[in-house]
Amino acid sequence: MRQFETPHQLYTEIGGLFERIATKPEVQETLKSLRLCVRFSYTEPDATMTLSAADGAYTVVCGHCDAMPDVELTMTGDVAHRFWMGELNVMEAITKRDIGVNGSLGKIMRLTPLIKLAIRSNRERA
């Protein structure tokens, strides 16, 4: 059985994670220096989330978004669950093509502090 059976389940879980971490002071501090638009494209189920960060704030759009992403990460819902739980070696997943990457590696690396904070928050909640 898949971790997420419907896009709504994925949006609730992962979108909720993005909303929860936005209230954390360390995330707000990280966002001050981040100017980036990232699209997460998921399969199984098919879903799209776009995170836009600029000037200390960010927005998350679940579903279609017209914003042009700087970086796009593609993965299945099950890989996404493992990714956000910190149960995945990201570089290995990219090498094995479990995670597809479209965009500059430098821009992806700018996401590292935010991703680490999200994973820590998600683990604390689980």
PDB file of N, CA and C in Angstrom:
ATOM      1  N   MET A   1       0.834  -1.184   0.000  1.00  0.00           N
ATOM      2  CA  MET A   1       0.000   0.000   0.000  1.00  0.00           C
ATOM      3  C   MET A   1       0.884   1.254   0.000  1.00  0.00           C
ATOM      4  N   ARG A   2       0.491   2.221  -0.792  1.00  0.00           N
ATOM      5  CA  ARG A   2       1.238   3.471  -0.883  1.00  0.00           C
ATOM      6  C   ARG A   2       0.998   4.333   0.356  1.00  0.00           C
ATOM      7  N   GLN A   3       1.966   5.185   0.643  1.00  0.00           N
ATOM      8  CA  GLN A   3       1.862   6.100   1.780  1.00  0.00           C
ATOM      9  C   GLN A   3       0.705   7.086   1.587  1.00  0.00           C
ATOM     10  N   PHE A   4       0.541   7.575   0.364  1.00  0.00           N
ATOM     11  CA  PHE A   4      -0.523   8.529   0.047  1.00  0.00           C
ATOM     12  C   PHE A   4      -1.361   7.944  -1.072  1.00  0.00           C
ATOM     13  N   GLU A   5      -2.635   7.765  -0.843  1.00  0.00           N
ATOM     14  CA  GLU A   5      -3.512   7.221  -1.868  1.00  0.00           C
ATOM     15  C   GLU A   5      -4.091   8.315  -2.763  1.00  0.00           C
ATOM     16  N   THR A   6      -4.216   9.525  -2.226  1.00  0.00           N
ATOM     17  CA  THR A   6      -4.813  10.625  -2.990  1.00  0.00           C
ATOM     18  C   THR A   6      -3.915  11.868  -2.898  1.00  0.00           C
ATOM     19  N   PRO A   7      -4.033  12.766  -3.875  1.00  0.00           N
ATOM     20  CA  PRO A   7      -3.295  14.028  -3.771  1.00  0.00           C
ATOM     21  C   PRO A   7      -3.666  14.792  -2.499  1.00  0.00           C
ATOM     22  N   HIS A   8      -4.932  14.740  -2.108  1.00  0.00           N
ATOM     23  CA  HIS A   8      -5.371  15.449  -0.899  1.00  0.00           C
ATOM     24  C   HIS A   8      -4.580  14.981   0.334  1.00  0.00           C
ATOM     25  N   GLN A   9      -4.355  13.682   0.458  1.00  0.00           N
ATOM     26  CA  GLN A   9      -3.580  13.162   1.585  1.00  0.00           C
ATOM     27  C   GLN A   9      -2.152  13.713   1.554  1.00  0.00           C
ATOM     28  N   LEU A  10      -1.550  13.728   0.381  1.00  0.00           N
ATOM     29  CA  LEU A  10      -0.194  14.249   0.244  1.00  0.00           C
ATOM     30  C   LEU A  10      -0.162  15.739   0.581  1.00  0.00           C
ATOM     31  N   TYR A  11      -1.121  16.506   0.060  1.00  0.00           N
ATOM     32  CA  TYR A  11      -1.163  17.938   0.343  1.00  0.00           C
ATOM     33  C   TYR A  11      -1.352  18.199   1.835  1.00  0.00           C
ATOM     34  N   THR A  12      -2.203  17.414   2.474  1.00  0.00           N
ATOM     35  CA  THR A  12      -2.459  17.592   3.899  1.00  0.00           C
ATOM     36  C   THR A  12      -1.190  17.328   4.705  1.00  0.00           C
ATOM     37  N   GLU A  13      -0.513  16.244   4.399  1.00  0.00           N
ATOM     38  CA  GLU A  13       0.683  15.856   5.167  1.00  0.00           C
ATOM     39  C   GLU A  13       1.874  16.763   4.872  1.00  0.00           C
ATOM     40  N   ILE A  14       2.258  16.866   3.617  1.00  0.00           N
ATOM     41  CA  ILE A  14       3.473  17.619   3.282  1.00  0.00           C
ATOM     42  C   ILE A  14       3.201  19.124   3.268  1.00  0.00           C
ATOM     43  N   GLY A  15       2.064  19.527   2.725  1.00  0.00           N
ATOM     44  CA  GLY A  15       1.692  20.945   2.773  1.00  0.00           C
ATOM     45  C   GLY A  15       1.550  21.421   4.209  1.00  0.00           C
ATOM     46  N   GLY A  16       0.971  20.569   5.057  1.00  0.00           N
ATOM     47  CA  GLY A  16       0.852  20.905   6.476  1.00  0.00           C
ATOM     48  C   GLY A  16       2.213  21.072   7.130  1.00  0.00           C
ATOM     49  N   LEU A  17       3.169  20.231   6.742  1.00  0.00           N
ATOM     50  CA  LEU A  17       4.533  20.366   7.253  1.00  0.00           C
ATOM     51  C   LEU A  17       5.099  21.732   6.891  1.00  0.00           C
ATOM     52  N   PHE A  18       4.948  22.141   5.641  1.00  0.00           N
ATOM     53  CA  PHE A  18       5.455  23.448   5.208  1.00  0.00           C
ATOM     54  C   PHE A  18       4.796  24.584   5.996  1.00  0.00           C
ATOM     55  N   GLU A  19       3.511  24.468   6.248  1.00  0.00           N
ATOM     56  CA  GLU A  19       2.808  25.513   7.005  1.00  0.00           C
ATOM     57  C   GLU A  19       3.272  25.541   8.461  1.00  0.00           C
ATOM     58  N   ARG A  20       3.468  24.373   9.062  1.00  0.00           N
ATOM     59  CA  ARG A  20       3.909  24.319  10.469  1.00  0.00           C
ATOM     60  C   ARG A  20       5.290  24.918  10.654  1.00  0.00           C
ATOM     61  N   ILE A  21       6.203  24.597   9.750  1.00  0.00           N
ATOM     62  CA  ILE A  21       7.572  25.077   9.958  1.00  0.00           C
ATOM     63  C   ILE A  21       7.688  26.580   9.731  1.00  0.00           C
ATOM     64  N   ALA A  22       6.764  27.162   8.990  1.00  0.00           N
ATOM     65  CA  ALA A  22       6.828  28.601   8.700  1.00  0.00           C
ATOM     66  C   ALA A  22       6.732  29.437   9.974  1.00  0.00           C
ATOM     67  N   THR A  23       6.176  28.871  11.033  1.00  0.00           N
ATOM     68  CA  THR A  23       6.017  29.610  12.283  1.00  0.00           C
ATOM     69  C   THR A  23       7.253  29.531  13.180  1.00  0.00           C
ATOM     70  N   LYS A  24       8.205  28.708  12.846  1.00  0.00           N
ATOM     71  CA  LYS A  24       9.398  28.523  13.679  1.00  0.00           C
ATOM     72  C   LYS A  24      10.405  29.648  13.437  1.00  0.00           C
ATOM     73  N   PRO A  25      10.919  30.255  14.514  1.00  0.00           N
ATOM     74  CA  PRO A  25      11.869  31.372  14.366  1.00  0.00           C
ATOM     75  C   PRO A  25      13.094  31.022  13.527  1.00  0.00           C
ATOM     76  N   GLU A  26      13.639  29.809  13.683  1.00  0.00           N
ATOM     77  CA  GLU A  26      14.839  29.449  12.917  1.00  0.00           C
ATOM     78  C   GLU A  26      14.537  29.341  11.420  1.00  0.00           C
ATOM     79  N   VAL A  27      13.322  28.966  11.078  1.00  0.00           N
ATOM     80  CA  VAL A  27      12.919  28.914   9.674  1.00  0.00           C
ATOM     81  C   VAL A  27      12.749  30.325   9.138  1.00  0.00           C
ATOM     82  N   GLN A  28      12.130  31.186   9.913  1.00  0.00           N
ATOM     83  CA  GLN A  28      11.958  32.572   9.484  1.00  0.00           C
ATOM     84  C   GLN A  28      13.312  33.232   9.253  1.00  0.00           C
ATOM     85  N   GLU A  29      14.286  32.912  10.098  1.00  0.00           N
ATOM     86  CA  GLU A  29      15.645  33.452   9.922  1.00  0.00           C
ATOM     87  C   GLU A  29      16.270  32.930   8.630  1.00  0.00           C
ATOM     88  N   THR A  30      16.111  31.644   8.358  1.00  0.00           N
ATOM     89  CA  THR A  30      16.657  31.038   7.135  1.00  0.00           C
ATOM     90  C   THR A  30      16.004  31.654   5.899  1.00  0.00           C
ATOM     91  N   LEU A  31      14.710  31.924   5.973  1.00  0.00           N
ATOM     92  CA  LEU A  31      13.982  32.464   4.825  1.00  0.00           C
ATOM     93  C   LEU A  31      14.425  33.882   4.456  1.00  0.00           C
ATOM     94  N   LYS A  32      14.993  34.623   5.418  1.00  0.00           N
ATOM     95  CA  LYS A  32      15.408  36.000   5.142  1.00  0.00           C
ATOM     96  C   LYS A  32      16.424  36.086   4.009  1.00  0.00           C
ATOM     97  N   SER A  33      17.259  35.059   3.878  1.00  0.00           N
ATOM     98  CA  SER A  33      18.305  35.105   2.856  1.00  0.00           C
ATOM     99  C   SER A  33      17.979  34.241   1.634  1.00  0.00           C
ATOM    100  N   LEU A  34      16.827  33.620   1.628  1.00  0.00           N
ATOM    101  CA  LEU A  34      16.487  32.693   0.549  1.00  0.00           C
ATOM    102  C   LEU A  34      15.572  33.365  -0.466  1.00  0.00           C
ATOM    103  N   ARG A  35      15.965  33.346  -1.716  1.00  0.00           N
ATOM    104  CA  ARG A  35      15.136  33.839  -2.820  1.00  0.00           C
ATOM    105  C   ARG A  35      15.096  32.714  -3.836  1.00  0.00           C
ATOM    106  N   LEU A  36      14.016  31.938  -3.767  1.00  0.00           N
ATOM    107  CA  LEU A  36      13.979  30.721  -4.554  1.00  0.00           C
ATOM    108  C   LEU A  36      12.550  30.243  -4.736  1.00  0.00           C
ATOM    109  N   CYS A  37      12.291  29.663  -5.891  1.00  0.00           N
ATOM    110  CA  CYS A  37      10.999  29.026  -6.157  1.00  0.00           C
ATOM    111  C   CYS A  37      11.288  27.559  -6.493  1.00  0.00           C
ATOM    112  N   VAL A  38      10.683  26.663  -5.724  1.00  0.00           N
ATOM    113  CA  VAL A  38      10.925  25.226  -5.885  1.00  0.00           C
ATOM    114  C   VAL A  38       9.604  24.528  -6.137  1.00  0.00           C
ATOM    115  N   ARG A  39       9.601  23.683  -7.145  1.00  0.00           N
ATOM    116  CA  ARG A  39       8.416  22.871  -7.427  1.00  0.00           C
ATOM    117  C   ARG A  39       8.729  21.426  -7.067  1.00  0.00           C
ATOM    118  N   PHE A  40       7.838  20.822  -6.309  1.00  0.00           N
ATOM    119  CA  PHE A  40       7.901  19.402  -5.988  1.00  0.00           C
ATOM    120  C   PHE A  40       6.823  18.736  -6.827  1.00  0.00           C
ATOM    121  N   SER A  41       7.226  17.920  -7.771  1.00  0.00           N
ATOM    122  CA  SER A  41       6.278  17.200  -8.623  1.00  0.00           C
ATOM    123  C   SER A  41       6.260  15.747  -8.172  1.00  0.00           C
ATOM    124  N   TYR A  42       5.088  15.288  -7.801  1.00  0.00           N
ATOM    125  CA  TYR A  42       4.949  13.949  -7.256  1.00  0.00           C
ATOM    126  C   TYR A  42       4.162  13.050  -8.205  1.00  0.00           C
ATOM    127  N   THR A  43       4.469  11.775  -8.147  1.00  0.00           N
ATOM    128  CA  THR A  43       3.685  10.757  -8.833  1.00  0.00           C
ATOM    129  C   THR A  43       3.243   9.758  -7.770  1.00  0.00           C
ATOM    130  N   GLU A  44       2.217   9.018  -8.078  1.00  0.00           N
ATOM    131  CA  GLU A  44       1.706   7.980  -7.168  1.00  0.00           C
ATOM    132  C   GLU A  44       1.418   8.518  -5.777  1.00  0.00           C
ATOM    133  N   PRO A  45       0.549   9.461  -5.590  1.00  0.00           N
ATOM    134  CA  PRO A  45      -0.380  10.057  -6.528  1.00  0.00           C
ATOM    135  C   PRO A  45       0.215  11.275  -7.241  1.00  0.00           C
ATOM    136  N   ASP A  46      -0.397  11.636  -8.347  1.00  0.00           N
ATOM    137  CA  ASP A  46       0.034  12.810  -9.095  1.00  0.00           C
ATOM    138  C   ASP A  46      -0.361  14.062  -8.317  1.00  0.00           C
ATOM    139  N   ALA A  47       0.632  14.866  -7.981  1.00  0.00           N
ATOM    140  CA  ALA A  47       0.399  16.090  -7.212  1.00  0.00           C
ATOM    141  C   ALA A  47       1.568  17.028  -7.448  1.00  0.00           C
ATOM    142  N   THR A  48       1.324  18.307  -7.247  1.00  0.00           N
ATOM    143  CA  THR A  48       2.365  19.310  -7.415  1.00  0.00           C
ATOM    144  C   THR A  48       2.268  20.307  -6.270  1.00  0.00           C
ATOM    145  N   MET A  49       3.421  20.652  -5.709  1.00  0.00           N
ATOM    146  CA  MET A  49       3.496  21.686  -4.683  1.00  0.00           C
ATOM    147  C   MET A  49       4.608  22.647  -5.076  1.00  0.00           C
ATOM    148  N   THR A  50       4.335  23.931  -4.957  1.00  0.00           N
ATOM    149  CA  THR A  50       5.323  24.943  -5.291  1.00  0.00           C
ATOM    150  C   THR A  50       5.567  25.812  -4.075  1.00  0.00           C
ATOM    151  N   LEU A  51       6.820  25.922  -3.698  1.00  0.00           N
ATOM    152  CA  LEU A  51       7.231  26.732  -2.562  1.00  0.00           C
ATOM    153  C   LEU A  51       8.011  27.918  -3.116  1.00  0.00           C
ATOM    154  N   SER A  52       7.543  29.115  -2.812  1.00  0.00           N
ATOM    155  CA  SER A  52       8.241  30.332  -3.238  1.00  0.00           C
ATOM    156  C   SER A  52       8.700  31.074  -1.996  1.00  0.00           C
ATOM    157  N   ALA A  53       9.989  31.355  -1.915  1.00  0.00           N
ATOM    158  CA  ALA A  53      10.555  32.057  -0.770  1.00  0.00           C
ATOM    159  C   ALA A  53      11.244  33.322  -1.243  1.00  0.00           C
ATOM    160  N   ALA A  54      10.936  34.419  -0.556  1.00  0.00           N
ATOM    161  CA  ALA A  54      11.590  35.691  -0.859  1.00  0.00           C
ATOM    162  C   ALA A  54      11.331  36.660   0.291  1.00  0.00           C
ATOM    163  N   ASP A  55      12.344  37.424   0.624  1.00  0.00           N
ATOM    164  CA  ASP A  55      12.225  38.494   1.618  1.00  0.00           C
ATOM    165  C   ASP A  55      11.677  38.027   2.959  1.00  0.00           C
ATOM    166  N   GLY A  56      12.090  36.858   3.415  1.00  0.00           N
ATOM    167  CA  GLY A  56      11.726  36.390   4.736  1.00  0.00           C
ATOM    168  C   GLY A  56      10.386  35.698   4.846  1.00  0.00           C
ATOM    169  N   ALA A  57       9.690  35.538   3.756  1.00  0.00           N
ATOM    170  CA  ALA A  57       8.385  34.877   3.794  1.00  0.00           C
ATOM    171  C   ALA A  57       8.313  33.876   2.661  1.00  0.00           C
ATOM    172  N   TYR A  58       7.383  32.954   2.798  1.00  0.00           N
ATOM    173  CA  TYR A  58       7.189  32.043   1.680  1.00  0.00           C
ATOM    174  C   TYR A  58       5.728  31.675   1.546  1.00  0.00           C
ATOM    175  N   THR A  59       5.414  31.202   0.360  1.00  0.00           N
ATOM    176  CA  THR A  59       4.070  30.721   0.088  1.00  0.00           C
ATOM    177  C   THR A  59       4.186  29.302  -0.443  1.00  0.00           C
ATOM    178  N   VAL A  60       3.163  28.537  -0.175  1.00  0.00           N
ATOM    179  CA  VAL A  60       3.082  27.175  -0.673  1.00  0.00           C
ATOM    180  C   VAL A  60       1.783  27.053  -1.450  1.00  0.00           C
ATOM    181  N   VAL A  61       1.894  26.584  -2.684  1.00  0.00           N
ATOM    182  CA  VAL A  61       0.716  26.365  -3.512  1.00  0.00           C
ATOM    183  C   VAL A  61       0.612  24.871  -3.785  1.00  0.00           C
ATOM    184  N   CYS A  62      -0.501  24.298  -3.382  1.00  0.00           N
ATOM    185  CA  CYS A  62      -0.773  22.890  -3.664  1.00  0.00           C
ATOM    186  C   CYS A  62      -1.606  22.816  -4.931  1.00  0.00           C
ATOM    187  N   GLY A  63      -1.114  22.114  -5.914  1.00  0.00           N
ATOM    188  CA  GLY A  63      -1.797  22.037  -7.201  1.00  0.00           C
ATOM    189  C   GLY A  63      -1.121  22.942  -8.208  1.00  0.00           C
ATOM    190  N   HIS A  64      -1.839  23.257  -9.257  1.00  0.00           N
ATOM    191  CA  HIS A  64      -1.278  24.054 -10.351  1.00  0.00           C
ATOM    192  C   HIS A  64      -0.801  25.420  -9.863  1.00  0.00           C
ATOM    193  N   CYS A  65       0.353  25.832 -10.358  1.00  0.00           N
ATOM    194  CA  CYS A  65       0.915  27.143 -10.035  1.00  0.00           C
ATOM    195  C   CYS A  65       1.624  27.659 -11.278  1.00  0.00           C
ATOM    196  N   ASP A  66       1.377  28.913 -11.638  1.00  0.00           N
ATOM    197  CA  ASP A  66       1.978  29.504 -12.828  1.00  0.00           C
ATOM    198  C   ASP A  66       3.416  29.974 -12.615  1.00  0.00           C
ATOM    199  N   ALA A  67       3.867  30.030 -11.374  1.00  0.00           N
ATOM    200  CA  ALA A  67       5.229  30.502 -11.098  1.00  0.00           C
ATOM    201  C   ALA A  67       6.248  29.585 -11.779  1.00  0.00           C
ATOM    202  N   MET A  68       7.280  30.185 -12.329  1.00  0.00           N
ATOM    203  CA  MET A  68       8.352  29.426 -12.964  1.00  0.00           C
ATOM    204  C   MET A  68       9.364  29.034 -11.890  1.00  0.00           C
ATOM    205  N   PRO A  69       9.541  27.742 -11.637  1.00  0.00           N
ATOM    206  CA  PRO A  69      10.458  27.336 -10.571  1.00  0.00           C
ATOM    207  C   PRO A  69      11.925  27.481 -10.979  1.00  0.00           C
ATOM    208  N   ASP A  70      12.754  27.779  -9.989  1.00  0.00           N
ATOM    209  CA  ASP A  70      14.202  27.771 -10.184  1.00  0.00           C
ATOM    210  C   ASP A  70      14.714  26.336 -10.166  1.00  0.00           C
ATOM    211  N   VAL A  71      14.029  25.504  -9.373  1.00  0.00           N
ATOM    212  CA  VAL A  71      14.412  24.110  -9.180  1.00  0.00           C
ATOM    213  C   VAL A  71      13.140  23.275  -9.143  1.00  0.00           C
ATOM    214  N   GLU A  72      13.199  22.094  -9.761  1.00  0.00           N
ATOM    215  CA  GLU A  72      12.088  21.159  -9.674  1.00  0.00           C
ATOM    216  C   GLU A  72      12.620  19.806  -9.224  1.00  0.00           C
ATOM    217  N   LEU A  73      11.992  19.260  -8.199  1.00  0.00           N
ATOM    218  CA  LEU A  73      12.325  17.930  -7.699  1.00  0.00           C
ATOM    219  C   LEU A  73      11.137  17.019  -7.971  1.00  0.00           C
ATOM    220  N   THR A  74      11.400  15.872  -8.586  1.00  0.00           N
ATOM    221  CA  THR A  74      10.351  14.926  -8.955  1.00  0.00           C
ATOM    222  C   THR A  74      10.579  13.612  -8.220  1.00  0.00           C
ATOM    223  N   MET A  75       9.505  13.083  -7.623  1.00  0.00           N
ATOM    224  CA  MET A  75       9.615  11.824  -6.886  1.00  0.00           C
ATOM    225  C   MET A  75       8.224  11.245  -6.650  1.00  0.00           C
ATOM    226  N   THR A  76       8.168   9.989  -6.268  1.00  0.00           N
ATOM    227  CA  THR A  76       6.883   9.382  -5.920  1.00  0.00           C
ATOM    228  C   THR A  76       6.462   9.862  -4.531  1.00  0.00           C
ATOM    229  N   GLY A  77       5.208   9.653  -4.216  1.00  0.00           N
ATOM    230  CA  GLY A  77       4.717   9.997  -2.889  1.00  0.00           C
ATOM    231  C   GLY A  77       5.444   9.233  -1.794  1.00  0.00           C
ATOM    232  N   ASP A  78       5.756   7.954  -2.046  1.00  0.00           N
ATOM    233  CA  ASP A  78       6.477   7.157  -1.045  1.00  0.00           C
ATOM    234  C   ASP A  78       7.894   7.681  -0.820  1.00  0.00           C
ATOM    235  N   VAL A  79       8.574   8.065  -1.891  1.00  0.00           N
ATOM    236  CA  VAL A  79       9.915   8.645  -1.750  1.00  0.00           C
ATOM    237  C   VAL A  79       9.811   9.969  -1.000  1.00  0.00           C
ATOM    238  N   ALA A  80       8.787  10.771  -1.306  1.00  0.00           N
ATOM    239  CA  ALA A  80       8.593  12.047  -0.613  1.00  0.00           C
ATOM    240  C   ALA A  80       8.409  11.825   0.886  1.00  0.00           C
ATOM    241  N   HIS A  81       7.630  10.834   1.250  1.00  0.00           N
ATOM    242  CA  HIS A  81       7.410  10.552   2.676  1.00  0.00           C
ATOM    243  C   HIS A  81       8.747  10.230   3.355  1.00  0.00           C
ATOM    244  N   ARG A  82       9.528   9.355   2.745  1.00  0.00           N
ATOM    245  CA  ARG A  82      10.829   8.993   3.309  1.00  0.00           C
ATOM    246  C   ARG A  82      11.776  10.198   3.334  1.00  0.00           C
ATOM    247  N   PHE A  83      11.719  11.020   2.287  1.00  0.00           N
ATOM    248  CA  PHE A  83      12.536  12.230   2.202  1.00  0.00           C
ATOM    249  C   PHE A  83      12.248  13.146   3.392  1.00  0.00           C
ATOM    250  N   TRP A  84      10.973  13.472   3.624  1.00  0.00           N
ATOM    251  CA  TRP A  84      10.598  14.424   4.669  1.00  0.00           C
ATOM    252  C   TRP A  84      10.682  13.842   6.072  1.00  0.00           C
ATOM    253  N   MET A  85      10.809  12.519   6.181  1.00  0.00           N
ATOM    254  CA  MET A  85      11.043  11.887   7.485  1.00  0.00           C
ATOM    255  C   MET A  85      12.544  11.755   7.772  1.00  0.00           C
ATOM    256  N   GLY A  86      13.374  12.086   6.788  1.00  0.00           N
ATOM    257  CA  GLY A  86      14.814  11.982   6.967  1.00  0.00           C
ATOM    258  C   GLY A  86      15.318  10.549   6.875  1.00  0.00           C
ATOM    259  N   GLU A  87      14.534   9.695   6.251  1.00  0.00           N
ATOM    260  CA  GLU A  87      14.867   8.274   6.133  1.00  0.00           C
ATOM    261  C   GLU A  87      15.517   7.935   4.796  1.00  0.00           C
ATOM    262  N   LEU A  88      15.955   8.941   4.073  1.00  0.00           N
ATOM    263  CA  LEU A  88      16.434   8.746   2.718  1.00  0.00           C
ATOM    264  C   LEU A  88      17.783   9.424   2.549  1.00  0.00           C
ATOM    265  N   ASN A  89      18.726   8.729   1.961  1.00  0.00           N
ATOM    266  CA  ASN A  89      19.985   9.340   1.573  1.00  0.00           C
ATOM    267  C   ASN A  89      19.704  10.070   0.263  1.00  0.00           C
ATOM    268  N   VAL A  90      19.621  11.384   0.332  1.00  0.00           N
ATOM    269  CA  VAL A  90      19.172  12.185  -0.814  1.00  0.00           C
ATOM    270  C   VAL A  90      20.115  12.047  -2.007  1.00  0.00           C
ATOM    271  N   MET A  91      21.423  12.106  -1.773  1.00  0.00           N
ATOM    272  CA  MET A  91      22.358  11.997  -2.899  1.00  0.00           C
ATOM    273  C   MET A  91      22.241  10.633  -3.568  1.00  0.00           C
ATOM    274  N   GLU A  92      22.063   9.590  -2.786  1.00  0.00           N
ATOM    275  CA  GLU A  92      21.882   8.254  -3.352  1.00  0.00           C
ATOM    276  C   GLU A  92      20.579   8.183  -4.145  1.00  0.00           C
ATOM    277  N   ALA A  93      19.520   8.802  -3.609  1.00  0.00           N
ATOM    278  CA  ALA A  93      18.230   8.797  -4.299  1.00  0.00           C
ATOM    279  C   ALA A  93      18.320   9.560  -5.624  1.00  0.00           C
ATOM    280  N   ILE A  94      19.093  10.635  -5.653  1.00  0.00           N
ATOM    281  CA  ILE A  94      19.285  11.382  -6.897  1.00  0.00           C
ATOM    282  C   ILE A  94      20.086  10.534  -7.884  1.00  0.00           C
ATOM    283  N   THR A  95      21.143   9.892  -7.395  1.00  0.00           N
ATOM    284  CA  THR A  95      21.977   9.044  -8.251  1.00  0.00           C
ATOM    285  C   THR A  95      21.170   7.893  -8.837  1.00  0.00           C
ATOM    286  N   LYS A  96      20.306   7.285  -8.020  1.00  0.00           N
ATOM    287  CA  LYS A  96      19.473   6.164  -8.475  1.00  0.00           C
ATOM    288  C   LYS A  96      18.246   6.648  -9.265  1.00  0.00           C
ATOM    289  N   ARG A  97      18.090   7.950  -9.332  1.00  0.00           N
ATOM    290  CA  ARG A  97      16.967   8.588 -10.027  1.00  0.00           C
ATOM    291  C   ARG A  97      15.628   8.334  -9.365  1.00  0.00           C
ATOM    292  N   ASP A  98      15.666   8.070  -8.058  1.00  0.00           N
ATOM    293  CA  ASP A  98      14.426   8.038  -7.286  1.00  0.00           C
ATOM    294  C   ASP A  98      13.912   9.461  -7.108  1.00  0.00           C
ATOM    295  N   ILE A  99      14.846  10.413  -7.138  1.00  0.00           N
ATOM    296  CA  ILE A  99      14.509  11.836  -7.136  1.00  0.00           C
ATOM    297  C   ILE A  99      15.090  12.429  -8.397  1.00  0.00           C
ATOM    298  N   GLY A 100      14.234  13.009  -9.212  1.00  0.00           N
ATOM    299  CA  GLY A 100      14.684  13.709 -10.406  1.00  0.00           C
ATOM    300  C   GLY A 100      14.926  15.164 -10.074  1.00  0.00           C
ATOM    301  N   VAL A 101      15.955  15.736 -10.647  1.00  0.00           N
ATOM    302  CA  VAL A 101      16.322  17.121 -10.371  1.00  0.00           C
ATOM    303  C   VAL A 101      16.398  17.884 -11.672  1.00  0.00           C
ATOM    304  N   ASN A 102      15.729  19.028 -11.692  1.00  0.00           N
ATOM    305  CA  ASN A 102      15.809  19.927 -12.827  1.00  0.00           C
ATOM    306  C   ASN A 102      16.127  21.305 -12.268  1.00  0.00           C
ATOM    307  N   GLY A 103      17.323  21.780 -12.541  1.00  0.00           N
ATOM    308  CA  GLY A 103      17.733  23.081 -12.030  1.00  0.00           C
ATOM    309  C   GLY A 103      19.161  23.024 -11.522  1.00  0.00           C
ATOM    310  N   SER A 104      19.637  24.146 -11.088  1.00  0.00           N
ATOM    311  CA  SER A 104      21.016  24.312 -10.637  1.00  0.00           C
ATOM    312  C   SER A 104      21.266  23.598  -9.310  1.00  0.00           C
ATOM    313  N   LEU A 105      22.358  22.848  -9.253  1.00  0.00           N
ATOM    314  CA  LEU A 105      22.740  22.190  -8.008  1.00  0.00           C
ATOM    315  C   LEU A 105      23.011  23.219  -6.918  1.00  0.00           C
ATOM    316  N   GLY A 106      23.570  24.348  -7.287  1.00  0.00           N
ATOM    317  CA  GLY A 106      23.825  25.422  -6.318  1.00  0.00           C
ATOM    318  C   GLY A 106      22.550  25.918  -5.676  1.00  0.00           C
ATOM    319  N   LYS A 107      21.502  26.054  -6.468  1.00  0.00           N
ATOM    320  CA  LYS A 107      20.219  26.500  -5.920  1.00  0.00           C
ATOM    321  C   LYS A 107      19.604  25.423  -5.030  1.00  0.00           C
ATOM    322  N   ILE A 108      19.761  24.179  -5.427  1.00  0.00           N
ATOM    323  CA  ILE A 108      19.256  23.086  -4.608  1.00  0.00           C
ATOM    324  C   ILE A 108      19.961  23.087  -3.252  1.00  0.00           C
ATOM    325  N   MET A 109      21.261  23.323  -3.259  1.00  0.00           N
ATOM    326  CA  MET A 109      22.026  23.323  -2.008  1.00  0.00           C
ATOM    327  C   MET A 109      21.587  24.456  -1.083  1.00  0.00           C
ATOM    328  N   ARG A 110      21.074  25.554  -1.635  1.00  0.00           N
ATOM    329  CA  ARG A 110      20.572  26.647  -0.798  1.00  0.00           C
ATOM    330  C   ARG A 110      19.351  26.220   0.003  1.00  0.00           C
ATOM    331  N   LEU A 111      18.695  25.144  -0.420  1.00  0.00           N
ATOM    332  CA  LEU A 111      17.536  24.631   0.301  1.00  0.00           C
ATOM    333  C   LEU A 111      17.907  23.794   1.524  1.00  0.00           C
ATOM    334  N   THR A 112      19.155  23.371   1.611  1.00  0.00           N
ATOM    335  CA  THR A 112      19.566  22.428   2.648  1.00  0.00           C
ATOM    336  C   THR A 112      19.154  22.852   4.061  1.00  0.00           C
ATOM    337  N   PRO A 113      19.405  24.098   4.493  1.00  0.00           N
ATOM    338  CA  PRO A 113      19.006  24.455   5.858  1.00  0.00           C
ATOM    339  C   PRO A 113      17.493  24.334   6.090  1.00  0.00           C
ATOM    340  N   LEU A 114      16.719  24.744   5.111  1.00  0.00           N
ATOM    341  CA  LEU A 114      15.264  24.660   5.238  1.00  0.00           C
ATOM    342  C   LEU A 114      14.800  23.204   5.275  1.00  0.00           C
ATOM    343  N   ILE A 115      15.383  22.379   4.442  1.00  0.00           N
ATOM    344  CA  ILE A 115      15.018  20.953   4.413  1.00  0.00           C
ATOM    345  C   ILE A 115      15.368  20.292   5.748  1.00  0.00           C
ATOM    346  N   LYS A 116      16.544  20.594   6.290  1.00  0.00           N
ATOM    347  CA  LYS A 116      16.934  20.011   7.571  1.00  0.00           C
ATOM    348  C   LYS A 116      15.957  20.408   8.675  1.00  0.00           C
ATOM    349  N   LEU A 117      15.556  21.670   8.696  1.00  0.00           N
ATOM    350  CA  LEU A 117      14.602  22.123   9.707  1.00  0.00           C
ATOM    351  C   LEU A 117      13.243  21.447   9.530  1.00  0.00           C
ATOM    352  N   ALA A 118      12.822  21.264   8.293  1.00  0.00           N
ATOM    353  CA  ALA A 118      11.539  20.605   8.032  1.00  0.00           C
ATOM    354  C   ALA A 118      11.588  19.142   8.467  1.00  0.00           C
ATOM    355  N   ILE A 119      12.676  18.470   8.175  1.00  0.00           N
ATOM    356  CA  ILE A 119      12.814  17.064   8.564  1.00  0.00           C
ATOM    357  C   ILE A 119      12.795  16.936  10.088  1.00  0.00           C
ATOM    358  N   ARG A 120      13.542  17.800  10.769  1.00  0.00           N
ATOM    359  CA  ARG A 120      13.566  17.750  12.234  1.00  0.00           C
ATOM    360  C   ARG A 120      12.169  17.980  12.805  1.00  0.00           C
ATOM    361  N   SER A 121      11.463  18.958  12.279  1.00  0.00           N
ATOM    362  CA  SER A 121      10.106  19.246  12.736  1.00  0.00           C
ATOM    363  C   SER A 121       9.165  18.077  12.481  1.00  0.00           C
ATOM    364  N   ASN A 122       9.298  17.455  11.321  1.00  0.00           N
ATOM    365  CA  ASN A 122       8.449  16.326  10.959  1.00  0.00           C
ATOM    366  C   ASN A 122       8.718  15.114  11.867  1.00  0.00           C
ATOM    367  N   ARG A 123       9.964  14.884  12.181  1.00  0.00           N
ATOM    368  CA  ARG A 123      10.314  13.780  13.082  1.00  0.00           C
ATOM    369  C   ARG A 123       9.770  14.010  14.480  1.00  0.00           C
ATOM    370  N   GLU A 124       9.839  15.266  14.952  1.00  0.00           N
ATOM    371  CA  GLU A 124       9.328  15.589  16.278  1.00  0.00           C
ATOM    372  C   GLU A 124       7.828  15.363  16.364  1.00  0.00           C
ATOM    373  N   ARG A 125       7.144  15.601  15.288  1.00  0.00           N
ATOM    374  CA  ARG A 125       5.685  15.443  15.252  1.00  0.00           C
ATOM    375  C   ARG A 125       5.272  13.983  15.157  1.00  0.00           C
ATOM    376  N   ALA A 126       6.093  13.166  14.503  1.00  0.00           N
ATOM    377  CA  ALA A 126       5.733  11.757  14.242  1.00  0.00           C
ATOM    378  C   ALA A 126       5.710  10.896  15.472  1.00  0.00           C
TER     379      ALA A 126
END
